[in-house]
Amino acid sequence: MIPRLARDIRNELPEVKGYSERNIGYMIRFAHEYGPPPILQRLVAKLTGIQQLVVHLPWGQNIILMEKVKDHAVRYWYMRASLQQGWSRDVLALMIEGQAHERQGNAVTNFVERLPPQQSDMAQQALKDPYIFDFLTLDEPFHERELETALVRHLEKFLIELGQGFAFVGRQVHVDVGDEDFYTPAIIRAWG
């Protein structure tokens, strides 16, 4: 049935693209997973939960999510994160591969004891545990200094790629927090 439909569309509407057998299969799967698509714009307002997010994601991201994330609660997490963070299809695939949903907000901190609730929640969600640095190709075990050097090297390449308007402020920038001294590996500032 699908091969014939794809062939008929190609014969009747040769200028229309996107109706390959594979894509029609994805469309059928999409309809089964999320229900009938909204036909009128006002229907979008009536959608809830996962359907509300589906209509805002690009087709390629929806395909990746259908193929790689079977659990609907986890899929919902990636949909929300993708929209909030502005992830591209490739970044979304990397986040799924790295299981970002299991690491986000799991770092051990004292934010709850030291910050007001709203700030505590925001700070906690900004951290992951563990961080994955596979792109650095360091041999384990490695020292903190080796990690810092490799990260700064990648950061320099990244800033050069970004071009004008970005600056590398420092390698070990001193920060006072209460009675303690800390040194951050690097700070980037965008100049407007």
N, C-alpha and C. Protein backbone atom coordinates (compact mmCIF):
# COMPACT_ATOMS: atom_id res chain seq x y z
N MET A 1 0.81 -1.19 0.00
CA MET A 1 0.00 0.00 0.00
C MET A 1 0.87 1.27 0.00
N ILE A 2 1.88 1.32 0.88
CA ILE A 2 2.75 2.50 0.95
C ILE A 2 3.54 2.70 -0.35
N PRO A 3 4.16 1.64 -0.90
CA PRO A 3 4.89 1.84 -2.16
C PRO A 3 3.99 2.38 -3.28
N ARG A 4 2.78 1.90 -3.34
CA ARG A 4 1.86 2.37 -4.38
C ARG A 4 1.48 3.83 -4.14
N LEU A 5 1.20 4.18 -2.89
CA LEU A 5 0.86 5.57 -2.56
C LEU A 5 2.01 6.51 -2.93
N ALA A 6 3.22 6.13 -2.58
CA ALA A 6 4.40 6.96 -2.90
C ALA A 6 4.54 7.11 -4.42
N ARG A 7 4.35 6.02 -5.14
CA ARG A 7 4.45 6.05 -6.61
C ARG A 7 3.36 6.93 -7.20
N ASP A 8 2.12 6.80 -6.70
CA ASP A 8 1.00 7.60 -7.22
C ASP A 8 1.23 9.09 -6.98
N ILE A 9 1.70 9.44 -5.80
CA ILE A 9 1.97 10.86 -5.51
C ILE A 9 3.07 11.38 -6.42
N ARG A 10 4.13 10.59 -6.60
CA ARG A 10 5.23 11.00 -7.47
C ARG A 10 4.76 11.19 -8.92
N ASN A 11 3.86 10.32 -9.39
CA ASN A 11 3.35 10.42 -10.76
C ASN A 11 2.39 11.59 -10.94
N GLU A 12 1.51 11.79 -9.97
CA GLU A 12 0.51 12.85 -10.07
C GLU A 12 1.06 14.24 -9.76
N LEU A 13 1.99 14.30 -8.82
CA LEU A 13 2.54 15.59 -8.37
C LEU A 13 4.07 15.52 -8.37
N PRO A 14 4.70 15.47 -9.53
CA PRO A 14 6.16 15.31 -9.57
C PRO A 14 6.94 16.44 -8.92
N GLU A 15 6.34 17.62 -8.80
CA GLU A 15 7.05 18.74 -8.20
C GLU A 15 7.00 18.72 -6.67
N VAL A 16 6.14 17.90 -6.09
CA VAL A 16 6.00 17.82 -4.64
C VAL A 16 7.01 16.83 -4.09
N LYS A 17 7.78 17.26 -3.11
CA LYS A 17 8.81 16.42 -2.50
C LYS A 17 8.40 16.00 -1.10
N GLY A 18 9.04 14.96 -0.57
CA GLY A 18 8.83 14.55 0.81
C GLY A 18 7.88 13.39 0.99
N TYR A 19 7.44 12.76 -0.11
CA TYR A 19 6.50 11.65 0.00
C TYR A 19 7.12 10.34 -0.46
N SER A 20 8.34 10.09 -0.01
CA SER A 20 8.98 8.81 -0.30
C SER A 20 8.31 7.73 0.54
N GLU A 21 8.56 6.47 0.20
CA GLU A 21 8.00 5.37 0.99
C GLU A 21 8.40 5.51 2.46
N ARG A 22 9.66 5.82 2.68
CA ARG A 22 10.17 5.95 4.05
C ARG A 22 9.46 7.06 4.81
N ASN A 23 9.30 8.23 4.15
CA ASN A 23 8.67 9.36 4.82
C ASN A 23 7.18 9.10 5.07
N ILE A 24 6.51 8.44 4.15
CA ILE A 24 5.10 8.10 4.37
C ILE A 24 4.99 7.15 5.55
N GLY A 25 5.93 6.22 5.67
CA GLY A 25 5.96 5.32 6.83
C GLY A 25 6.11 6.10 8.12
N TYR A 26 7.00 7.11 8.12
CA TYR A 26 7.16 7.97 9.30
C TYR A 26 5.86 8.73 9.59
N MET A 27 5.20 9.20 8.56
CA MET A 27 3.95 9.94 8.76
C MET A 27 2.88 9.06 9.41
N ILE A 28 2.79 7.82 8.97
CA ILE A 28 1.82 6.90 9.56
C ILE A 28 2.18 6.63 11.02
N ARG A 29 3.46 6.39 11.26
CA ARG A 29 3.91 6.14 12.64
C ARG A 29 3.64 7.35 13.52
N PHE A 30 3.92 8.54 12.98
CA PHE A 30 3.68 9.79 13.70
C PHE A 30 2.21 9.90 14.10
N ALA A 31 1.30 9.61 13.16
CA ALA A 31 -0.13 9.69 13.43
C ALA A 31 -0.54 8.68 14.51
N HIS A 32 0.05 7.49 14.47
CA HIS A 32 -0.25 6.49 15.50
C HIS A 32 0.26 6.91 16.87
N GLU A 33 1.43 7.53 16.90
CA GLU A 33 2.04 7.92 18.18
C GLU A 33 1.36 9.13 18.82
N TYR A 34 0.96 10.10 18.00
CA TYR A 34 0.50 11.37 18.55
C TYR A 34 -0.95 11.72 18.22
N GLY A 35 -1.64 10.88 17.52
CA GLY A 35 -3.03 11.16 17.18
C GLY A 35 -3.13 11.99 15.92
N PRO A 36 -4.34 12.29 15.51
CA PRO A 36 -4.52 13.04 14.26
C PRO A 36 -3.95 14.45 14.38
N PRO A 37 -3.30 14.92 13.32
CA PRO A 37 -2.72 16.27 13.36
C PRO A 37 -3.80 17.34 13.36
N PRO A 38 -3.53 18.48 13.98
CA PRO A 38 -4.52 19.56 13.98
C PRO A 38 -4.63 20.17 12.58
N ILE A 39 -5.84 20.35 12.13
CA ILE A 39 -6.05 20.89 10.78
C ILE A 39 -6.16 22.41 10.84
N LEU A 40 -6.80 22.91 11.87
CA LEU A 40 -6.96 24.35 12.01
C LEU A 40 -6.06 24.87 13.11
N GLN A 41 -5.57 26.07 12.96
CA GLN A 41 -4.65 26.66 13.93
C GLN A 41 -5.25 26.70 15.33
N ARG A 42 -6.54 26.97 15.45
CA ARG A 42 -7.15 27.07 16.78
C ARG A 42 -7.17 25.74 17.53
N LEU A 43 -7.05 24.63 16.80
CA LEU A 43 -7.01 23.33 17.45
C LEU A 43 -5.73 23.13 18.24
N VAL A 44 -4.67 23.81 17.83
CA VAL A 44 -3.39 23.68 18.53
C VAL A 44 -3.54 24.09 19.99
N ALA A 45 -4.36 25.11 20.25
CA ALA A 45 -4.57 25.57 21.62
C ALA A 45 -5.23 24.50 22.48
N LYS A 46 -5.98 23.56 21.87
CA LYS A 46 -6.67 22.52 22.62
C LYS A 46 -5.79 21.30 22.89
N LEU A 47 -4.64 21.24 22.27
CA LEU A 47 -3.75 20.10 22.48
C LEU A 47 -3.12 20.19 23.86
N THR A 48 -2.78 19.03 24.40
CA THR A 48 -2.16 19.03 25.72
C THR A 48 -0.85 18.26 25.69
N GLY A 49 -0.01 18.52 26.68
CA GLY A 49 1.21 17.76 26.91
C GLY A 49 2.08 17.57 25.69
N ILE A 50 2.31 16.30 25.38
CA ILE A 50 3.26 15.94 24.33
C ILE A 50 2.82 16.45 22.97
N GLN A 51 1.49 16.47 22.70
CA GLN A 51 1.00 16.96 21.41
C GLN A 51 1.32 18.44 21.23
N GLN A 52 1.26 19.20 22.31
CA GLN A 52 1.56 20.62 22.26
C GLN A 52 3.00 20.86 21.81
N LEU A 53 3.92 19.99 22.25
CA LEU A 53 5.32 20.14 21.88
C LEU A 53 5.59 19.62 20.47
N VAL A 54 4.94 18.54 20.09
CA VAL A 54 5.16 17.92 18.78
C VAL A 54 4.97 18.91 17.65
N VAL A 55 3.95 19.74 17.75
CA VAL A 55 3.65 20.66 16.65
C VAL A 55 4.69 21.76 16.51
N HIS A 56 5.52 21.96 17.52
CA HIS A 56 6.52 23.02 17.48
C HIS A 56 7.91 22.51 17.09
N LEU A 57 8.09 21.20 17.04
CA LEU A 57 9.39 20.64 16.68
C LEU A 57 9.47 20.38 15.18
N PRO A 58 10.65 20.56 14.60
CA PRO A 58 10.82 20.22 13.18
C PRO A 58 10.61 18.72 12.95
N TRP A 59 10.23 18.37 11.73
CA TRP A 59 9.96 16.98 11.36
C TRP A 59 11.15 16.08 11.66
N GLY A 60 12.34 16.49 11.33
CA GLY A 60 13.54 15.68 11.56
C GLY A 60 13.75 15.35 13.03
N GLN A 61 13.45 16.30 13.91
CA GLN A 61 13.59 16.04 15.35
C GLN A 61 12.52 15.05 15.82
N ASN A 62 11.31 15.17 15.28
CA ASN A 62 10.26 14.22 15.65
C ASN A 62 10.64 12.80 15.23
N ILE A 63 11.25 12.65 14.07
CA ILE A 63 11.68 11.33 13.60
C ILE A 63 12.73 10.76 14.54
N ILE A 64 13.73 11.57 14.89
CA ILE A 64 14.78 11.12 15.81
C ILE A 64 14.16 10.67 17.14
N LEU A 65 13.23 11.45 17.66
CA LEU A 65 12.60 11.10 18.93
C LEU A 65 11.80 9.81 18.82
N MET A 66 11.07 9.62 17.72
CA MET A 66 10.30 8.38 17.55
C MET A 66 11.22 7.17 17.45
N GLU A 67 12.35 7.35 16.76
CA GLU A 67 13.26 6.22 16.55
C GLU A 67 14.10 5.88 17.78
N LYS A 68 14.52 6.89 18.53
CA LYS A 68 15.50 6.66 19.58
C LYS A 68 14.96 6.69 21.00
N VAL A 69 13.76 7.25 21.21
CA VAL A 69 13.24 7.37 22.58
C VAL A 69 11.85 6.74 22.63
N LYS A 70 11.79 5.54 23.18
CA LYS A 70 10.52 4.81 23.23
C LYS A 70 9.64 5.25 24.39
N ASP A 71 10.24 5.55 25.52
CA ASP A 71 9.49 5.96 26.71
C ASP A 71 8.93 7.37 26.50
N HIS A 72 7.61 7.51 26.60
CA HIS A 72 6.98 8.80 26.30
C HIS A 72 7.35 9.89 27.31
N ALA A 73 7.55 9.54 28.57
CA ALA A 73 7.95 10.55 29.56
C ALA A 73 9.35 11.09 29.24
N VAL A 74 10.25 10.20 28.84
CA VAL A 74 11.60 10.62 28.47
C VAL A 74 11.56 11.43 27.18
N ARG A 75 10.75 10.98 26.23
CA ARG A 75 10.60 11.71 24.97
C ARG A 75 10.09 13.12 25.25
N TYR A 76 9.12 13.26 26.13
CA TYR A 76 8.58 14.56 26.51
C TYR A 76 9.68 15.45 27.08
N TRP A 77 10.57 14.87 27.90
CA TRP A 77 11.68 15.63 28.49
C TRP A 77 12.57 16.19 27.36
N TYR A 78 12.91 15.35 26.38
CA TYR A 78 13.76 15.80 25.28
C TYR A 78 13.06 16.84 24.41
N MET A 79 11.76 16.69 24.22
CA MET A 79 11.02 17.69 23.44
C MET A 79 11.09 19.05 24.13
N ARG A 80 10.80 19.07 25.42
CA ARG A 80 10.84 20.33 26.17
C ARG A 80 12.25 20.93 26.15
N ALA A 81 13.25 20.09 26.41
CA ALA A 81 14.63 20.59 26.44
C ALA A 81 15.04 21.12 25.07
N SER A 82 14.66 20.42 24.01
CA SER A 82 15.03 20.84 22.66
C SER A 82 14.43 22.20 22.33
N LEU A 83 13.18 22.40 22.69
CA LEU A 83 12.54 23.69 22.44
C LEU A 83 13.12 24.80 23.32
N GLN A 84 13.35 24.50 24.59
CA GLN A 84 13.89 25.51 25.51
C GLN A 84 15.31 25.90 25.16
N GLN A 85 16.13 24.92 24.77
CA GLN A 85 17.54 25.17 24.50
C GLN A 85 17.83 25.50 23.04
N GLY A 86 16.86 25.31 22.16
CA GLY A 86 17.07 25.58 20.75
C GLY A 86 17.99 24.58 20.08
N TRP A 87 17.93 23.31 20.50
CA TRP A 87 18.82 22.29 19.95
C TRP A 87 18.53 22.03 18.48
N SER A 88 19.57 21.82 17.72
CA SER A 88 19.43 21.36 16.35
C SER A 88 19.16 19.86 16.37
N ARG A 89 18.88 19.28 15.21
CA ARG A 89 18.65 17.84 15.12
C ARG A 89 19.88 17.07 15.58
N ASP A 90 21.07 17.51 15.17
CA ASP A 90 22.30 16.82 15.55
C ASP A 90 22.57 16.91 17.06
N VAL A 91 22.32 18.08 17.63
CA VAL A 91 22.52 18.24 19.08
C VAL A 91 21.53 17.36 19.84
N LEU A 92 20.29 17.32 19.38
CA LEU A 92 19.29 16.46 20.01
C LEU A 92 19.75 15.00 19.98
N ALA A 93 20.24 14.55 18.84
CA ALA A 93 20.72 13.17 18.73
C ALA A 93 21.88 12.91 19.71
N LEU A 94 22.80 13.86 19.82
CA LEU A 94 23.91 13.72 20.76
C LEU A 94 23.44 13.68 22.21
N MET A 95 22.47 14.51 22.54
CA MET A 95 21.93 14.53 23.90
C MET A 95 21.24 13.21 24.24
N ILE A 96 20.52 12.67 23.28
CA ILE A 96 19.86 11.37 23.50
C ILE A 96 20.91 10.29 23.68
N GLU A 97 21.91 10.30 22.81
CA GLU A 97 23.00 9.30 22.89
C GLU A 97 23.72 9.39 24.23
N GLY A 98 23.92 10.61 24.73
CA GLY A 98 24.61 10.81 26.00
C GLY A 98 23.68 10.69 27.21
N GLN A 99 22.42 10.37 26.97
CA GLN A 99 21.40 10.20 28.02
C GLN A 99 21.34 11.40 28.95
N ALA A 100 21.23 12.57 28.35
CA ALA A 100 21.19 13.82 29.12
C ALA A 100 20.06 13.84 30.14
N HIS A 101 18.96 13.19 29.85
CA HIS A 101 17.83 13.21 30.78
C HIS A 101 18.15 12.54 32.11
N GLU A 102 19.11 11.63 32.12
CA GLU A 102 19.49 10.96 33.37
C GLU A 102 20.51 11.76 34.16
N ARG A 103 21.22 12.65 33.48
CA ARG A 103 22.30 13.40 34.14
C ARG A 103 21.89 14.80 34.54
N GLN A 104 20.92 15.39 33.86
CA GLN A 104 20.54 16.78 34.11
C GLN A 104 20.02 16.97 35.52
N GLY A 105 20.61 17.89 36.24
CA GLY A 105 20.15 18.24 37.57
C GLY A 105 20.50 17.23 38.65
N ASN A 106 21.41 16.30 38.37
CA ASN A 106 21.73 15.25 39.33
C ASN A 106 23.03 15.47 40.09
N ALA A 107 23.69 16.57 39.86
CA ALA A 107 24.95 16.82 40.57
C ALA A 107 24.67 17.03 42.06
N VAL A 108 25.57 16.56 42.90
CA VAL A 108 25.44 16.73 44.34
C VAL A 108 25.85 18.15 44.70
N THR A 109 24.93 18.90 45.31
CA THR A 109 25.19 20.29 45.65
C THR A 109 24.56 20.62 47.01
N ASN A 110 24.83 21.83 47.49
CA ASN A 110 24.18 22.31 48.70
C ASN A 110 23.25 23.48 48.37
N PHE A 111 22.77 23.56 47.12
CA PHE A 111 21.94 24.68 46.69
C PHE A 111 20.66 24.81 47.52
N VAL A 112 20.05 23.69 47.87
CA VAL A 112 18.79 23.73 48.63
C VAL A 112 18.97 24.40 49.98
N GLU A 113 20.12 24.12 50.62
CA GLU A 113 20.37 24.71 51.94
C GLU A 113 20.81 26.16 51.86
N ARG A 114 21.44 26.57 50.77
CA ARG A 114 22.08 27.89 50.69
C ARG A 114 21.32 28.93 49.87
N LEU A 115 20.38 28.50 49.03
CA LEU A 115 19.70 29.45 48.14
C LEU A 115 18.19 29.41 48.35
N PRO A 116 17.50 30.50 48.01
CA PRO A 116 16.03 30.48 48.03
C PRO A 116 15.53 29.42 47.05
N PRO A 117 14.33 28.87 47.26
CA PRO A 117 13.84 27.75 46.45
C PRO A 117 13.91 27.95 44.94
N GLN A 118 13.47 29.09 44.44
CA GLN A 118 13.47 29.30 42.98
C GLN A 118 14.90 29.32 42.42
N GLN A 119 15.81 30.00 43.09
CA GLN A 119 17.20 30.04 42.65
C GLN A 119 17.86 28.67 42.80
N SER A 120 17.52 27.96 43.87
CA SER A 120 18.07 26.63 44.11
C SER A 120 17.69 25.69 42.98
N ASP A 121 16.42 25.68 42.58
CA ASP A 121 15.96 24.81 41.50
C ASP A 121 16.66 25.14 40.19
N MET A 122 16.78 26.44 39.89
CA MET A 122 17.41 26.86 38.64
C MET A 122 18.90 26.47 38.62
N ALA A 123 19.58 26.68 39.71
CA ALA A 123 21.00 26.34 39.79
C ALA A 123 21.19 24.83 39.69
N GLN A 124 20.35 24.06 40.34
CA GLN A 124 20.47 22.60 40.32
C GLN A 124 20.26 22.06 38.90
N GLN A 125 19.30 22.61 38.18
CA GLN A 125 19.01 22.14 36.82
C GLN A 125 20.13 22.50 35.84
N ALA A 126 20.95 23.45 36.20
CA ALA A 126 22.05 23.85 35.30
C ALA A 126 23.21 22.86 35.33
N LEU A 127 23.23 21.98 36.31
CA LEU A 127 24.36 21.04 36.46
C LEU A 127 23.96 19.62 36.09
N LYS A 128 24.93 18.87 35.58
CA LYS A 128 24.73 17.47 35.23
C LYS A 128 25.68 16.61 36.05
N ASP A 129 25.37 15.35 36.16
CA ASP A 129 26.29 14.41 36.80
C ASP A 129 26.08 13.05 36.17
N PRO A 130 27.09 12.47 35.60
CA PRO A 130 28.41 13.04 35.35
C PRO A 130 28.43 13.82 34.04
N TYR A 131 29.43 14.64 33.87
CA TYR A 131 29.67 15.29 32.59
C TYR A 131 30.45 14.31 31.71
N ILE A 132 30.13 14.30 30.43
CA ILE A 132 30.81 13.39 29.51
C ILE A 132 31.75 14.21 28.64
N PHE A 133 33.03 13.88 28.70
CA PHE A 133 34.06 14.60 27.94
C PHE A 133 34.72 13.69 26.90
N ASP A 134 33.96 12.80 26.31
CA ASP A 134 34.50 11.87 25.32
C ASP A 134 35.16 12.59 24.14
N PHE A 135 34.64 13.76 23.79
CA PHE A 135 35.18 14.50 22.65
C PHE A 135 36.62 14.94 22.87
N LEU A 136 37.11 14.90 24.11
CA LEU A 136 38.48 15.33 24.40
C LEU A 136 39.50 14.22 24.15
N THR A 137 39.06 13.00 24.06
CA THR A 137 39.94 11.84 23.83
C THR A 137 41.11 11.77 24.81
N LEU A 138 40.82 11.95 26.09
CA LEU A 138 41.83 11.82 27.12
C LEU A 138 41.89 10.37 27.59
N ASP A 139 43.09 9.89 27.88
CA ASP A 139 43.23 8.55 28.43
C ASP A 139 42.96 8.59 29.93
N GLU A 140 42.11 7.67 30.39
CA GLU A 140 41.82 7.61 31.83
C GLU A 140 42.85 6.74 32.52
N PRO A 141 43.18 7.02 33.74
CA PRO A 141 42.74 8.17 34.51
C PRO A 141 43.53 9.42 34.09
N PHE A 142 42.87 10.57 34.17
CA PHE A 142 43.55 11.83 33.84
C PHE A 142 43.42 12.78 35.01
N HIS A 143 44.32 13.75 35.05
CA HIS A 143 44.34 14.75 36.13
C HIS A 143 43.48 15.95 35.74
N GLU A 144 43.06 16.69 36.72
CA GLU A 144 42.22 17.86 36.50
C GLU A 144 42.92 18.86 35.56
N ARG A 145 44.22 19.00 35.69
CA ARG A 145 44.98 19.93 34.86
C ARG A 145 44.92 19.52 33.38
N GLU A 146 45.00 18.20 33.11
CA GLU A 146 44.90 17.71 31.73
C GLU A 146 43.52 18.00 31.16
N LEU A 147 42.48 17.82 31.98
CA LEU A 147 41.12 18.11 31.54
C LEU A 147 40.98 19.59 31.22
N GLU A 148 41.49 20.44 32.09
CA GLU A 148 41.41 21.88 31.87
C GLU A 148 42.12 22.28 30.58
N THR A 149 43.32 21.77 30.37
CA THR A 149 44.10 22.10 29.18
C THR A 149 43.35 21.68 27.91
N ALA A 150 42.80 20.47 27.91
CA ALA A 150 42.07 19.99 26.74
C ALA A 150 40.80 20.81 26.50
N LEU A 151 40.09 21.16 27.57
CA LEU A 151 38.89 21.98 27.41
C LEU A 151 39.22 23.37 26.86
N VAL A 152 40.28 23.98 27.38
CA VAL A 152 40.68 25.30 26.91
C VAL A 152 41.09 25.24 25.43
N ARG A 153 41.78 24.19 25.04
CA ARG A 153 42.17 24.03 23.63
C ARG A 153 40.92 23.98 22.74
N HIS A 154 39.91 23.21 23.14
CA HIS A 154 38.66 23.14 22.37
C HIS A 154 37.91 24.46 22.42
N LEU A 155 37.96 25.13 23.55
CA LEU A 155 37.30 26.41 23.69
C LEU A 155 37.91 27.45 22.75
N GLU A 156 39.23 27.46 22.65
CA GLU A 156 39.91 28.38 21.74
C GLU A 156 39.47 28.14 20.29
N LYS A 157 39.43 26.88 19.88
CA LYS A 157 38.98 26.55 18.52
C LYS A 157 37.55 27.02 18.29
N PHE A 158 36.71 26.80 19.32
CA PHE A 158 35.31 27.19 19.22
C PHE A 158 35.17 28.71 19.08
N LEU A 159 35.92 29.47 19.89
CA LEU A 159 35.84 30.93 19.81
C LEU A 159 36.33 31.46 18.47
N ILE A 160 37.35 30.85 17.94
CA ILE A 160 37.84 31.26 16.62
C ILE A 160 36.76 31.01 15.58
N GLU A 161 36.08 29.88 15.70
CA GLU A 161 34.99 29.55 14.78
C GLU A 161 33.84 30.54 14.90
N LEU A 162 33.52 31.00 16.13
CA LEU A 162 32.44 31.96 16.32
C LEU A 162 32.75 33.29 15.67
N GLY A 163 34.02 33.66 15.68
CA GLY A 163 34.42 34.91 15.04
C GLY A 163 34.34 36.10 15.97
N GLN A 164 34.22 37.27 15.37
CA GLN A 164 34.26 38.53 16.10
C GLN A 164 33.12 38.63 17.11
N GLY A 165 33.40 39.25 18.26
CA GLY A 165 32.38 39.48 19.27
C GLY A 165 32.47 38.57 20.47
N PHE A 166 33.41 37.64 20.45
CA PHE A 166 33.58 36.73 21.57
C PHE A 166 35.03 36.82 22.05
N ALA A 167 35.22 36.69 23.35
CA ALA A 167 36.56 36.84 23.91
C ALA A 167 36.82 35.78 24.96
N PHE A 168 38.03 35.33 25.02
CA PHE A 168 38.48 34.42 26.07
C PHE A 168 39.03 35.29 27.18
N VAL A 169 38.37 35.30 28.33
CA VAL A 169 38.72 36.22 29.41
C VAL A 169 39.88 35.71 30.24
N GLY A 170 39.91 34.42 30.53
CA GLY A 170 41.02 33.93 31.34
C GLY A 170 40.97 32.45 31.59
N ARG A 171 42.14 31.91 31.88
CA ARG A 171 42.27 30.47 32.11
C ARG A 171 41.96 30.11 33.56
N GLN A 172 42.45 30.87 34.49
CA GLN A 172 42.21 30.65 35.92
C GLN A 172 41.76 31.98 36.51
N VAL A 173 40.47 32.28 36.38
CA VAL A 173 39.93 33.55 36.87
C VAL A 173 39.55 33.40 38.34
N HIS A 174 40.07 34.29 39.15
CA HIS A 174 39.85 34.23 40.60
C HIS A 174 38.44 34.69 40.95
N VAL A 175 37.74 33.89 41.77
CA VAL A 175 36.39 34.22 42.24
C VAL A 175 36.35 34.02 43.75
N ASP A 176 35.92 35.06 44.48
CA ASP A 176 35.74 34.96 45.94
C ASP A 176 34.30 34.61 46.23
N VAL A 177 34.08 33.55 47.01
CA VAL A 177 32.74 33.19 47.46
C VAL A 177 32.83 33.03 48.97
N GLY A 178 32.27 34.01 49.66
CA GLY A 178 32.37 34.00 51.12
C GLY A 178 33.83 34.13 51.53
N ASP A 179 34.30 33.18 52.34
CA ASP A 179 35.68 33.18 52.79
C ASP A 179 36.57 32.27 51.95
N GLU A 180 36.05 31.75 50.86
CA GLU A 180 36.82 30.79 50.06
C GLU A 180 37.19 31.38 48.71
N ASP A 181 38.32 30.94 48.20
CA ASP A 181 38.80 31.34 46.87
C ASP A 181 38.57 30.19 45.89
N PHE A 182 38.09 30.54 44.69
CA PHE A 182 37.90 29.56 43.63
C PHE A 182 38.53 30.10 42.36
N TYR A 183 38.89 29.20 41.47
CA TYR A 183 39.47 29.58 40.18
C TYR A 183 38.72 28.82 39.09
N THR A 184 38.01 29.57 38.23
CA THR A 184 37.25 28.94 37.17
C THR A 184 38.16 28.67 35.99
N PRO A 185 37.94 27.58 35.28
CA PRO A 185 38.79 27.22 34.14
C PRO A 185 38.77 28.25 33.02
N ALA A 186 37.59 28.84 32.71
CA ALA A 186 37.53 29.80 31.61
C ALA A 186 36.22 30.57 31.69
N ILE A 187 36.24 31.79 31.19
CA ILE A 187 35.04 32.59 31.11
C ILE A 187 34.97 33.18 29.71
N ILE A 188 33.80 33.12 29.11
CA ILE A 188 33.58 33.68 27.77
C ILE A 188 32.59 34.81 27.90
N ARG A 189 32.83 35.88 27.19
CA ARG A 189 31.90 37.00 27.21
C ARG A 189 31.59 37.40 25.77
N ALA A 190 30.31 37.58 25.46
CA ALA A 190 29.93 38.07 24.13
C ALA A 190 29.81 39.59 24.21
N TRP A 191 30.45 40.26 23.31
CA TRP A 191 30.42 41.72 23.30
C TRP A 191 29.38 42.16 22.29
N GLY A 192 28.51 43.10 22.69
CA GLY A 192 27.40 43.53 21.83
C GLY A 192 27.71 44.72 21.02
